[in-house]
Amino acid sequence: MKRTINAIVIHCAATPNGKTFKAVDVDAMHRNRKPPFTRDSQARRNFNPDLTSIGYHFVIDVDGTIETGRSLEEIGAHVQGSNARSIGICMIGTDKFTEAQWKSLRECLINLASKILGRTIMTADSMLKSFSDAGITIKGHRDYSPDLNGDGIIERNEWLKICPGFDVAAWIKDGLMPVKSCEI
């Protein structure tokens, strides 16, 4: 990859839990924002030209389908102030996700590690170690909220959003297994 990546950011679409939404639907939501997200015209011509506004690089639907939004080389529009060096993955739903989505999120991260680092990565453990060794973090969107009390921890009362609806650090610590309280 030509673009330097230092973060993978997990998002939720803030859509009804369990209801199918596709990348084209997320694109429409981003186009209808005020102000709307817009993609660079050259980037659009080169990758997913019908998606004019989507901010994410990947969208994971309730059936586990992983759709592409922006190219990995295109800067996203998903976490203000941190887009230039990050990749955005959006889970359809708000705070409850299917088993298929959890599995696809894990697979998406493993595949991303191979693409970003330029070598074959086969397991979640090797993905996590490789990302760590390369200085690449995996966080939830809410983890980019300001640390208002300066204690180095983004606490619930400091979140600007609940996105992605689960604690990404705890999910990683628990081996990237489905979060039971967030399962459909």
N, C-alpha and C. Protein backbone atom coordinates (compact mmCIF):
# COMPACT_ATOMS: atom_id res chain seq x y z
N MET A 1 0.82 -1.19 0.00
CA MET A 1 0.00 0.00 0.00
C MET A 1 0.86 1.25 0.00
N LYS A 2 0.43 2.24 -0.74
CA LYS A 2 1.16 3.50 -0.78
C LYS A 2 0.82 4.39 0.42
N ARG A 3 -0.44 4.38 0.84
CA ARG A 3 -0.88 5.23 1.94
C ARG A 3 -0.45 4.63 3.27
N THR A 4 0.09 5.46 4.16
CA THR A 4 0.49 4.99 5.49
C THR A 4 -0.73 4.91 6.38
N ILE A 5 -0.92 3.75 7.01
CA ILE A 5 -2.06 3.52 7.89
C ILE A 5 -1.55 3.30 9.32
N ASN A 6 -2.17 3.98 10.27
CA ASN A 6 -1.82 3.74 11.67
C ASN A 6 -3.02 3.37 12.53
N ALA A 7 -4.20 3.28 11.91
CA ALA A 7 -5.40 2.93 12.68
C ALA A 7 -6.47 2.29 11.81
N ILE A 8 -7.16 1.34 12.43
CA ILE A 8 -8.38 0.77 11.86
C ILE A 8 -9.48 1.21 12.82
N VAL A 9 -10.52 1.83 12.28
CA VAL A 9 -11.59 2.36 13.12
C VAL A 9 -12.89 1.61 12.81
N ILE A 10 -13.47 1.02 13.87
CA ILE A 10 -14.71 0.27 13.74
C ILE A 10 -15.89 1.20 14.05
N HIS A 11 -16.90 1.15 13.19
CA HIS A 11 -18.09 2.00 13.31
C HIS A 11 -19.35 1.15 13.30
N CYS A 12 -20.45 1.75 13.72
CA CYS A 12 -21.78 1.19 13.47
C CYS A 12 -22.50 2.17 12.56
N ALA A 13 -23.49 1.69 11.84
CA ALA A 13 -24.21 2.54 10.89
C ALA A 13 -25.33 3.35 11.55
N ALA A 14 -25.63 3.05 12.83
CA ALA A 14 -26.75 3.70 13.52
C ALA A 14 -28.05 3.47 12.76
N THR A 15 -28.20 2.22 12.31
CA THR A 15 -29.41 1.78 11.62
C THR A 15 -30.11 0.78 12.52
N PRO A 16 -31.37 0.43 12.24
CA PRO A 16 -32.06 -0.56 13.08
C PRO A 16 -31.29 -1.89 13.13
N ASN A 17 -31.11 -2.40 14.35
CA ASN A 17 -30.40 -3.68 14.52
C ASN A 17 -31.11 -4.79 13.75
N GLY A 18 -30.32 -5.60 13.03
CA GLY A 18 -30.86 -6.75 12.32
C GLY A 18 -31.48 -6.45 10.97
N LYS A 19 -31.56 -5.19 10.58
CA LYS A 19 -32.17 -4.82 9.30
C LYS A 19 -31.07 -4.62 8.26
N THR A 20 -31.25 -5.21 7.09
CA THR A 20 -30.27 -5.12 6.02
C THR A 20 -30.16 -3.71 5.47
N PHE A 21 -28.92 -3.26 5.37
CA PHE A 21 -28.56 -2.03 4.67
C PHE A 21 -27.30 -2.37 3.88
N LYS A 22 -27.19 -1.86 2.71
CA LYS A 22 -26.04 -2.12 1.85
C LYS A 22 -25.17 -0.88 1.76
N ALA A 23 -24.01 -1.03 1.13
CA ALA A 23 -23.09 0.10 0.95
C ALA A 23 -23.78 1.24 0.21
N VAL A 24 -24.64 0.93 -0.74
CA VAL A 24 -25.36 1.97 -1.49
C VAL A 24 -26.29 2.76 -0.56
N ASP A 25 -26.85 2.09 0.46
CA ASP A 25 -27.71 2.77 1.42
C ASP A 25 -26.89 3.69 2.33
N VAL A 26 -25.72 3.22 2.75
CA VAL A 26 -24.83 4.04 3.57
C VAL A 26 -24.36 5.24 2.75
N ASP A 27 -24.08 5.00 1.47
CA ASP A 27 -23.69 6.09 0.58
C ASP A 27 -24.79 7.17 0.54
N ALA A 28 -26.04 6.75 0.44
CA ALA A 28 -27.15 7.70 0.42
C ALA A 28 -27.23 8.46 1.74
N MET A 29 -27.02 7.78 2.87
CA MET A 29 -27.03 8.47 4.17
C MET A 29 -25.93 9.53 4.23
N HIS A 30 -24.75 9.19 3.72
CA HIS A 30 -23.64 10.14 3.73
C HIS A 30 -23.86 11.29 2.75
N ARG A 31 -24.54 11.02 1.64
CA ARG A 31 -24.86 12.08 0.67
C ARG A 31 -25.88 13.05 1.24
N ASN A 32 -26.77 12.55 2.11
CA ASN A 32 -27.84 13.37 2.68
C ASN A 32 -27.43 14.11 3.95
N ARG A 33 -26.21 13.91 4.40
CA ARG A 33 -25.71 14.66 5.57
C ARG A 33 -25.61 16.14 5.23
N LYS A 34 -25.58 16.96 6.25
CA LYS A 34 -25.37 18.39 6.06
C LYS A 34 -24.10 18.78 6.79
N PRO A 35 -23.00 19.12 6.16
CA PRO A 35 -22.80 19.01 4.71
C PRO A 35 -22.55 17.55 4.32
N PRO A 36 -22.83 17.20 3.07
CA PRO A 36 -22.62 15.81 2.64
C PRO A 36 -21.14 15.47 2.51
N PHE A 37 -20.84 14.19 2.68
CA PHE A 37 -19.50 13.72 2.36
C PHE A 37 -19.40 13.67 0.84
N THR A 38 -18.26 14.00 0.30
CA THR A 38 -18.06 13.85 -1.14
C THR A 38 -16.72 13.18 -1.37
N ARG A 39 -16.68 12.36 -2.37
CA ARG A 39 -15.45 11.68 -2.73
C ARG A 39 -14.75 12.45 -3.84
N ASP A 40 -13.43 12.34 -3.86
CA ASP A 40 -12.63 12.91 -4.93
C ASP A 40 -13.06 12.28 -6.25
N SER A 41 -13.25 13.10 -7.28
CA SER A 41 -13.77 12.60 -8.55
C SER A 41 -12.84 11.56 -9.19
N GLN A 42 -11.54 11.75 -9.09
CA GLN A 42 -10.60 10.76 -9.66
C GLN A 42 -10.68 9.44 -8.90
N ALA A 43 -10.74 9.51 -7.58
CA ALA A 43 -10.85 8.29 -6.77
C ALA A 43 -12.14 7.56 -7.11
N ARG A 44 -13.20 8.30 -7.29
CA ARG A 44 -14.49 7.72 -7.65
C ARG A 44 -14.43 7.04 -9.01
N ARG A 45 -13.80 7.67 -9.98
CA ARG A 45 -13.68 7.05 -11.31
C ARG A 45 -12.93 5.73 -11.23
N ASN A 46 -11.94 5.67 -10.33
CA ASN A 46 -11.09 4.48 -10.23
C ASN A 46 -11.67 3.35 -9.40
N PHE A 47 -12.63 3.66 -8.50
CA PHE A 47 -13.11 2.63 -7.58
C PHE A 47 -14.53 2.96 -7.14
N ASN A 48 -15.44 2.04 -7.34
CA ASN A 48 -16.85 2.19 -6.95
C ASN A 48 -17.44 3.54 -7.39
N PRO A 49 -17.48 3.78 -8.70
CA PRO A 49 -17.93 5.09 -9.20
C PRO A 49 -19.38 5.43 -8.84
N ASP A 50 -20.20 4.44 -8.55
CA ASP A 50 -21.59 4.72 -8.21
C ASP A 50 -21.76 5.20 -6.78
N LEU A 51 -20.74 5.02 -5.95
CA LEU A 51 -20.80 5.47 -4.56
C LEU A 51 -20.15 6.85 -4.48
N THR A 52 -20.96 7.87 -4.48
CA THR A 52 -20.46 9.24 -4.58
C THR A 52 -20.04 9.85 -3.25
N SER A 53 -20.52 9.28 -2.13
CA SER A 53 -20.35 9.97 -0.86
C SER A 53 -19.90 9.09 0.30
N ILE A 54 -19.88 7.79 0.13
CA ILE A 54 -19.59 6.90 1.25
C ILE A 54 -18.26 7.27 1.92
N GLY A 55 -18.25 7.27 3.23
CA GLY A 55 -17.04 7.63 3.97
C GLY A 55 -16.20 6.45 4.40
N TYR A 56 -16.79 5.25 4.42
CA TYR A 56 -16.12 4.05 4.92
C TYR A 56 -15.41 3.29 3.81
N HIS A 57 -14.46 2.49 4.21
CA HIS A 57 -13.76 1.61 3.26
C HIS A 57 -14.48 0.27 3.12
N PHE A 58 -15.13 -0.17 4.21
CA PHE A 58 -15.86 -1.44 4.20
C PHE A 58 -17.17 -1.28 4.96
N VAL A 59 -18.19 -2.02 4.50
CA VAL A 59 -19.49 -2.09 5.16
C VAL A 59 -19.80 -3.57 5.35
N ILE A 60 -20.18 -3.95 6.57
CA ILE A 60 -20.51 -5.35 6.87
C ILE A 60 -22.00 -5.44 7.18
N ASP A 61 -22.74 -6.10 6.28
CA ASP A 61 -24.19 -6.21 6.41
C ASP A 61 -24.55 -7.31 7.42
N VAL A 62 -25.83 -7.39 7.77
CA VAL A 62 -26.28 -8.33 8.80
C VAL A 62 -26.06 -9.79 8.41
N ASP A 63 -26.00 -10.08 7.10
CA ASP A 63 -25.74 -11.46 6.67
C ASP A 63 -24.25 -11.77 6.60
N GLY A 64 -23.40 -10.80 6.98
CA GLY A 64 -21.96 -11.00 6.97
C GLY A 64 -21.28 -10.58 5.68
N THR A 65 -22.04 -10.16 4.70
CA THR A 65 -21.45 -9.70 3.44
C THR A 65 -20.57 -8.48 3.70
N ILE A 66 -19.35 -8.53 3.18
CA ILE A 66 -18.44 -7.40 3.28
C ILE A 66 -18.44 -6.69 1.94
N GLU A 67 -18.88 -5.44 1.94
CA GLU A 67 -18.87 -4.64 0.72
C GLU A 67 -17.81 -3.56 0.83
N THR A 68 -17.23 -3.21 -0.30
CA THR A 68 -16.26 -2.12 -0.30
C THR A 68 -16.97 -0.80 -0.51
N GLY A 69 -16.41 0.23 0.10
CA GLY A 69 -16.88 1.60 -0.11
C GLY A 69 -15.79 2.34 -0.85
N ARG A 70 -14.87 2.95 -0.10
CA ARG A 70 -13.72 3.62 -0.70
C ARG A 70 -12.58 2.63 -0.87
N SER A 71 -11.72 2.93 -1.81
CA SER A 71 -10.48 2.17 -1.99
C SER A 71 -9.60 2.37 -0.77
N LEU A 72 -8.77 1.38 -0.46
CA LEU A 72 -7.84 1.52 0.67
C LEU A 72 -6.88 2.69 0.47
N GLU A 73 -6.60 3.04 -0.78
CA GLU A 73 -5.69 4.17 -1.05
C GLU A 73 -6.38 5.53 -0.93
N GLU A 74 -7.71 5.53 -0.86
CA GLU A 74 -8.47 6.77 -0.75
C GLU A 74 -8.69 7.13 0.71
N ILE A 75 -8.44 8.36 1.07
CA ILE A 75 -8.69 8.82 2.43
C ILE A 75 -10.18 8.76 2.70
N GLY A 76 -10.54 8.20 3.85
CA GLY A 76 -11.94 8.06 4.22
C GLY A 76 -12.52 9.34 4.78
N ALA A 77 -13.81 9.24 5.14
CA ALA A 77 -14.52 10.34 5.81
C ALA A 77 -15.34 9.67 6.91
N HIS A 78 -14.65 9.28 7.98
CA HIS A 78 -15.33 8.49 9.01
C HIS A 78 -14.93 8.84 10.44
N VAL A 79 -13.80 9.53 10.65
CA VAL A 79 -13.42 9.95 12.01
C VAL A 79 -12.64 11.26 11.90
N GLN A 80 -13.34 12.34 12.15
CA GLN A 80 -12.78 13.68 11.94
C GLN A 80 -11.42 13.83 12.61
N GLY A 81 -10.47 14.32 11.83
CA GLY A 81 -9.12 14.56 12.34
C GLY A 81 -8.19 13.36 12.24
N SER A 82 -8.72 12.20 11.89
CA SER A 82 -7.89 10.98 11.82
C SER A 82 -8.10 10.19 10.54
N ASN A 83 -8.72 10.78 9.55
CA ASN A 83 -9.02 10.06 8.31
C ASN A 83 -7.80 9.75 7.46
N ALA A 84 -6.83 10.64 7.44
CA ALA A 84 -5.71 10.52 6.49
C ALA A 84 -4.91 9.23 6.67
N ARG A 85 -4.84 8.72 7.89
CA ARG A 85 -4.00 7.54 8.15
C ARG A 85 -4.81 6.37 8.73
N SER A 86 -6.11 6.32 8.42
CA SER A 86 -6.94 5.26 8.98
C SER A 86 -7.82 4.61 7.92
N ILE A 87 -8.33 3.44 8.28
CA ILE A 87 -9.29 2.69 7.47
C ILE A 87 -10.56 2.57 8.29
N GLY A 88 -11.72 2.83 7.69
CA GLY A 88 -13.00 2.75 8.38
C GLY A 88 -13.79 1.52 7.97
N ILE A 89 -14.25 0.77 8.98
CA ILE A 89 -15.10 -0.41 8.77
C ILE A 89 -16.42 -0.15 9.49
N CYS A 90 -17.52 -0.26 8.78
CA CYS A 90 -18.84 0.02 9.34
C CYS A 90 -19.67 -1.26 9.45
N MET A 91 -20.16 -1.53 10.65
CA MET A 91 -21.08 -2.65 10.90
C MET A 91 -22.51 -2.10 10.82
N ILE A 92 -23.34 -2.73 10.02
CA ILE A 92 -24.74 -2.33 9.90
C ILE A 92 -25.44 -2.68 11.22
N GLY A 93 -26.20 -1.72 11.74
CA GLY A 93 -26.86 -1.86 13.04
C GLY A 93 -26.39 -0.73 13.94
N THR A 94 -26.76 -0.82 15.20
CA THR A 94 -26.36 0.21 16.16
C THR A 94 -25.60 -0.38 17.33
N ASP A 95 -26.15 -1.40 17.97
CA ASP A 95 -25.47 -1.98 19.13
C ASP A 95 -25.72 -3.48 19.29
N LYS A 96 -26.32 -4.09 18.28
CA LYS A 96 -26.55 -5.54 18.25
C LYS A 96 -26.16 -6.04 16.86
N PHE A 97 -25.33 -7.07 16.81
CA PHE A 97 -24.80 -7.55 15.54
C PHE A 97 -24.94 -9.06 15.46
N THR A 98 -25.06 -9.58 14.24
CA THR A 98 -25.24 -11.01 14.04
C THR A 98 -23.90 -11.75 14.17
N GLU A 99 -24.01 -13.04 14.37
CA GLU A 99 -22.81 -13.88 14.42
C GLU A 99 -22.03 -13.75 13.11
N ALA A 100 -22.76 -13.67 12.00
CA ALA A 100 -22.11 -13.52 10.68
C ALA A 100 -21.32 -12.21 10.61
N GLN A 101 -21.84 -11.15 11.19
CA GLN A 101 -21.12 -9.87 11.19
C GLN A 101 -19.84 -9.95 12.02
N TRP A 102 -19.92 -10.58 13.19
CA TRP A 102 -18.72 -10.73 14.03
C TRP A 102 -17.64 -11.51 13.29
N LYS A 103 -18.06 -12.60 12.64
CA LYS A 103 -17.10 -13.42 11.88
C LYS A 103 -16.49 -12.61 10.74
N SER A 104 -17.31 -11.86 10.03
CA SER A 104 -16.82 -11.07 8.90
C SER A 104 -15.91 -9.94 9.35
N LEU A 105 -16.21 -9.33 10.50
CA LEU A 105 -15.33 -8.28 11.01
C LEU A 105 -13.94 -8.85 11.29
N ARG A 106 -13.91 -9.99 11.91
CA ARG A 106 -12.63 -10.66 12.19
C ARG A 106 -11.87 -10.96 10.89
N GLU A 107 -12.58 -11.54 9.90
CA GLU A 107 -11.97 -11.87 8.61
C GLU A 107 -11.50 -10.61 7.88
N CYS A 108 -12.30 -9.56 7.95
CA CYS A 108 -11.94 -8.30 7.30
C CYS A 108 -10.63 -7.77 7.88
N LEU A 109 -10.49 -7.82 9.19
CA LEU A 109 -9.26 -7.33 9.83
C LEU A 109 -8.05 -8.18 9.44
N ILE A 110 -8.22 -9.49 9.39
CA ILE A 110 -7.11 -10.37 8.98
C ILE A 110 -6.70 -10.07 7.54
N ASN A 111 -7.68 -9.93 6.65
CA ASN A 111 -7.38 -9.62 5.26
C ASN A 111 -6.74 -8.23 5.11
N LEU A 112 -7.22 -7.28 5.91
CA LEU A 112 -6.63 -5.94 5.88
C LEU A 112 -5.16 -5.98 6.30
N ALA A 113 -4.86 -6.76 7.31
CA ALA A 113 -3.46 -6.87 7.76
C ALA A 113 -2.58 -7.34 6.62
N SER A 114 -3.03 -8.32 5.86
CA SER A 114 -2.25 -8.81 4.72
C SER A 114 -2.05 -7.71 3.69
N LYS A 115 -3.11 -6.96 3.39
CA LYS A 115 -3.02 -5.90 2.38
C LYS A 115 -2.14 -4.74 2.84
N ILE A 116 -2.34 -4.31 4.07
CA ILE A 116 -1.60 -3.15 4.57
C ILE A 116 -0.12 -3.48 4.75
N LEU A 117 0.15 -4.67 5.28
CA LEU A 117 1.53 -5.03 5.62
C LEU A 117 2.26 -5.74 4.49
N GLY A 118 1.53 -6.14 3.45
CA GLY A 118 2.16 -6.72 2.28
C GLY A 118 2.70 -8.12 2.47
N ARG A 119 2.09 -8.86 3.38
CA ARG A 119 2.47 -10.27 3.57
C ARG A 119 1.25 -11.06 4.02
N THR A 120 1.29 -12.34 3.84
CA THR A 120 0.15 -13.18 4.19
C THR A 120 0.01 -13.31 5.70
N ILE A 121 -1.16 -13.00 6.17
CA ILE A 121 -1.51 -13.14 7.60
C ILE A 121 -2.73 -14.05 7.63
N MET A 122 -2.66 -15.11 8.43
CA MET A 122 -3.71 -16.13 8.38
C MET A 122 -4.60 -16.18 9.62
N THR A 123 -4.14 -15.70 10.76
CA THR A 123 -4.90 -15.87 11.99
C THR A 123 -5.12 -14.52 12.68
N ALA A 124 -6.10 -14.51 13.57
CA ALA A 124 -6.38 -13.29 14.33
C ALA A 124 -5.20 -12.93 15.22
N ASP A 125 -4.59 -13.93 15.84
CA ASP A 125 -3.44 -13.65 16.71
C ASP A 125 -2.28 -13.02 15.93
N SER A 126 -2.00 -13.58 14.74
CA SER A 126 -0.89 -13.02 13.96
C SER A 126 -1.26 -11.63 13.42
N MET A 127 -2.55 -11.41 13.14
CA MET A 127 -2.99 -10.08 12.71
C MET A 127 -2.78 -9.07 13.82
N LEU A 128 -3.22 -9.41 15.02
CA LEU A 128 -3.09 -8.48 16.15
C LEU A 128 -1.63 -8.18 16.45
N LYS A 129 -0.78 -9.20 16.42
CA LYS A 129 0.65 -8.99 16.69
C LYS A 129 1.28 -8.16 15.58
N SER A 130 0.94 -8.47 14.34
CA SER A 130 1.51 -7.72 13.20
C SER A 130 1.09 -6.26 13.23
N PHE A 131 -0.19 -6.00 13.51
CA PHE A 131 -0.65 -4.62 13.63
C PHE A 131 0.08 -3.91 14.77
N SER A 132 0.18 -4.58 15.90
CA SER A 132 0.86 -3.98 17.05
C SER A 132 2.32 -3.66 16.73
N ASP A 133 3.01 -4.62 16.11
CA ASP A 133 4.42 -4.42 15.75
C ASP A 133 4.59 -3.25 14.77
N ALA A 134 3.58 -3.05 13.92
CA ALA A 134 3.63 -1.97 12.92
C ALA A 134 3.09 -0.65 13.47
N GLY A 135 2.62 -0.63 14.71
CA GLY A 135 2.09 0.59 15.30
C GLY A 135 0.70 0.94 14.82
N ILE A 136 -0.06 -0.08 14.39
CA ILE A 136 -1.41 0.13 13.89
C ILE A 136 -2.40 -0.27 14.98
N THR A 137 -3.29 0.65 15.36
CA THR A 137 -4.28 0.38 16.39
C THR A 137 -5.61 -0.01 15.77
N ILE A 138 -6.42 -0.71 16.55
CA ILE A 138 -7.81 -1.01 16.20
C ILE A 138 -8.65 -0.41 17.31
N LYS A 139 -9.49 0.55 16.95
CA LYS A 139 -10.31 1.24 17.95
C LYS A 139 -11.73 1.42 17.43
N GLY A 140 -12.63 1.71 18.35
CA GLY A 140 -13.98 2.10 17.99
C GLY A 140 -14.03 3.60 17.76
N HIS A 141 -15.03 4.06 17.01
CA HIS A 141 -15.17 5.49 16.73
C HIS A 141 -15.24 6.28 18.03
N ARG A 142 -15.98 5.75 19.02
CA ARG A 142 -16.13 6.48 20.28
C ARG A 142 -14.80 6.67 21.01
N ASP A 143 -13.81 5.83 20.71
CA ASP A 143 -12.49 5.95 21.34
C ASP A 143 -11.73 7.18 20.86
N TYR A 144 -12.27 7.88 19.87
CA TYR A 144 -11.67 9.13 19.39
C TYR A 144 -12.33 10.35 20.02
N SER A 145 -13.23 10.13 20.98
CA SER A 145 -13.83 11.24 21.72
C SER A 145 -12.75 11.91 22.56
N PRO A 146 -12.94 13.18 22.92
CA PRO A 146 -11.93 13.87 23.72
C PRO A 146 -11.87 13.33 25.16
N ASP A 147 -10.67 13.21 25.67
CA ASP A 147 -10.44 12.80 27.06
C ASP A 147 -10.61 14.04 27.93
N LEU A 148 -11.84 14.32 28.33
CA LEU A 148 -12.16 15.58 29.00
C LEU A 148 -11.47 15.77 30.34
N ASN A 149 -11.27 14.67 31.09
CA ASN A 149 -10.64 14.82 32.40
C ASN A 149 -9.13 14.55 32.36
N GLY A 150 -8.59 14.23 31.18
CA GLY A 150 -7.15 14.08 31.01
C GLY A 150 -6.53 12.88 31.68
N ASP A 151 -7.34 11.86 31.99
CA ASP A 151 -6.77 10.69 32.68
C ASP A 151 -6.27 9.60 31.73
N GLY A 152 -6.32 9.87 30.42
CA GLY A 152 -5.82 8.90 29.45
C GLY A 152 -6.83 7.82 29.08
N ILE A 153 -8.03 7.89 29.62
CA ILE A 153 -9.08 6.89 29.35
C ILE A 153 -10.32 7.64 28.86
N ILE A 154 -10.85 7.18 27.72
CA ILE A 154 -12.09 7.76 27.21
C ILE A 154 -13.23 7.01 27.89
N GLU A 155 -13.88 7.66 28.83
CA GLU A 155 -14.94 7.02 29.61
C GLU A 155 -16.30 7.34 29.03
N ARG A 156 -17.29 6.53 29.43
CA ARG A 156 -18.64 6.63 28.87
C ARG A 156 -19.18 8.06 28.88
N ASN A 157 -18.95 8.80 29.95
CA ASN A 157 -19.47 10.17 30.03
C ASN A 157 -18.72 11.13 29.09
N GLU A 158 -17.62 10.67 28.48
CA GLU A 158 -16.85 11.50 27.55
C GLU A 158 -17.16 11.19 26.08
N TRP A 159 -17.87 10.08 25.83
CA TRP A 159 -18.17 9.69 24.46
C TRP A 159 -19.02 10.75 23.77
N LEU A 160 -18.63 11.06 22.53
CA LEU A 160 -19.47 11.91 21.69
C LEU A 160 -20.52 11.07 20.98
N LYS A 161 -20.23 9.77 20.81
CA LYS A 161 -21.12 8.81 20.15
C LYS A 161 -20.98 7.48 20.86
N ILE A 162 -21.96 6.57 20.67
CA ILE A 162 -21.79 5.20 21.19
C ILE A 162 -21.08 4.31 20.18
N CYS A 163 -20.97 4.80 18.97
CA CYS A 163 -20.39 4.06 17.86
C CYS A 163 -19.03 3.45 18.23
N PRO A 164 -18.86 2.15 18.07
CA PRO A 164 -19.66 1.19 17.31
C PRO A 164 -20.68 0.39 18.12
N GLY A 165 -20.99 0.79 19.33
CA GLY A 165 -21.98 0.06 20.12
C GLY A 165 -21.39 -1.04 20.97
N PHE A 166 -20.08 -1.20 20.97
CA PHE A 166 -19.41 -2.18 21.82
C PHE A 166 -18.00 -1.70 22.10
N ASP A 167 -17.39 -2.27 23.13
CA ASP A 167 -16.04 -1.90 23.55
C ASP A 167 -15.03 -2.68 22.70
N VAL A 168 -14.42 -2.01 21.75
CA VAL A 168 -13.49 -2.68 20.82
C VAL A 168 -12.29 -3.25 21.56
N ALA A 169 -11.74 -2.52 22.53
CA ALA A 169 -10.58 -3.02 23.28
C ALA A 169 -10.92 -4.31 24.03
N ALA A 170 -12.10 -4.36 24.64
CA ALA A 170 -12.53 -5.58 25.34
C ALA A 170 -12.76 -6.72 24.36
N TRP A 171 -13.32 -6.42 23.19
CA TRP A 171 -13.55 -7.43 22.16
C TRP A 171 -12.21 -8.03 21.71
N ILE A 172 -11.21 -7.20 21.54
CA ILE A 172 -9.88 -7.69 21.16
C ILE A 172 -9.30 -8.54 22.28
N LYS A 173 -9.41 -8.05 23.51
CA LYS A 173 -8.88 -8.77 24.67
C LYS A 173 -9.54 -10.15 24.81
N ASP A 174 -10.81 -10.24 24.44
CA ASP A 174 -11.55 -11.51 24.53
C ASP A 174 -11.38 -12.39 23.30
N GLY A 175 -10.39 -12.10 22.47
CA GLY A 175 -10.07 -12.97 21.35
C GLY A 175 -10.89 -12.76 20.11
N LEU A 176 -11.49 -11.57 19.94
CA LEU A 176 -12.30 -11.23 18.77
C LEU A 176 -13.51 -12.15 18.62
N MET A 177 -14.02 -12.59 19.75
CA MET A 177 -15.22 -13.42 19.77
C MET A 177 -16.44 -12.50 19.85
N PRO A 178 -17.61 -12.98 19.37
CA PRO A 178 -18.81 -12.15 19.43
C PRO A 178 -19.06 -11.65 20.86
N VAL A 179 -19.44 -10.39 20.99
CA VAL A 179 -19.76 -9.80 22.28
C VAL A 179 -21.19 -10.23 22.59
N LYS A 180 -21.34 -11.08 23.59
CA LYS A 180 -22.67 -11.68 23.89
C LYS A 180 -23.74 -10.64 24.12
N SER A 181 -23.42 -9.57 24.82
CA SER A 181 -24.43 -8.55 25.11
C SER A 181 -24.80 -7.74 23.87
N CYS A 182 -24.04 -7.91 22.81
CA CYS A 182 -24.28 -7.16 21.56
C CYS A 182 -24.65 -8.06 20.41
N GLU A 183 -25.11 -9.27 20.72
CA GLU A 183 -25.48 -10.22 19.65
C GLU A 183 -26.98 -10.21 19.40
N ILE A 184 -27.34 -10.38 18.13
CA ILE A 184 -28.75 -10.54 17.76
C ILE A 184 -29.06 -12.01 17.86
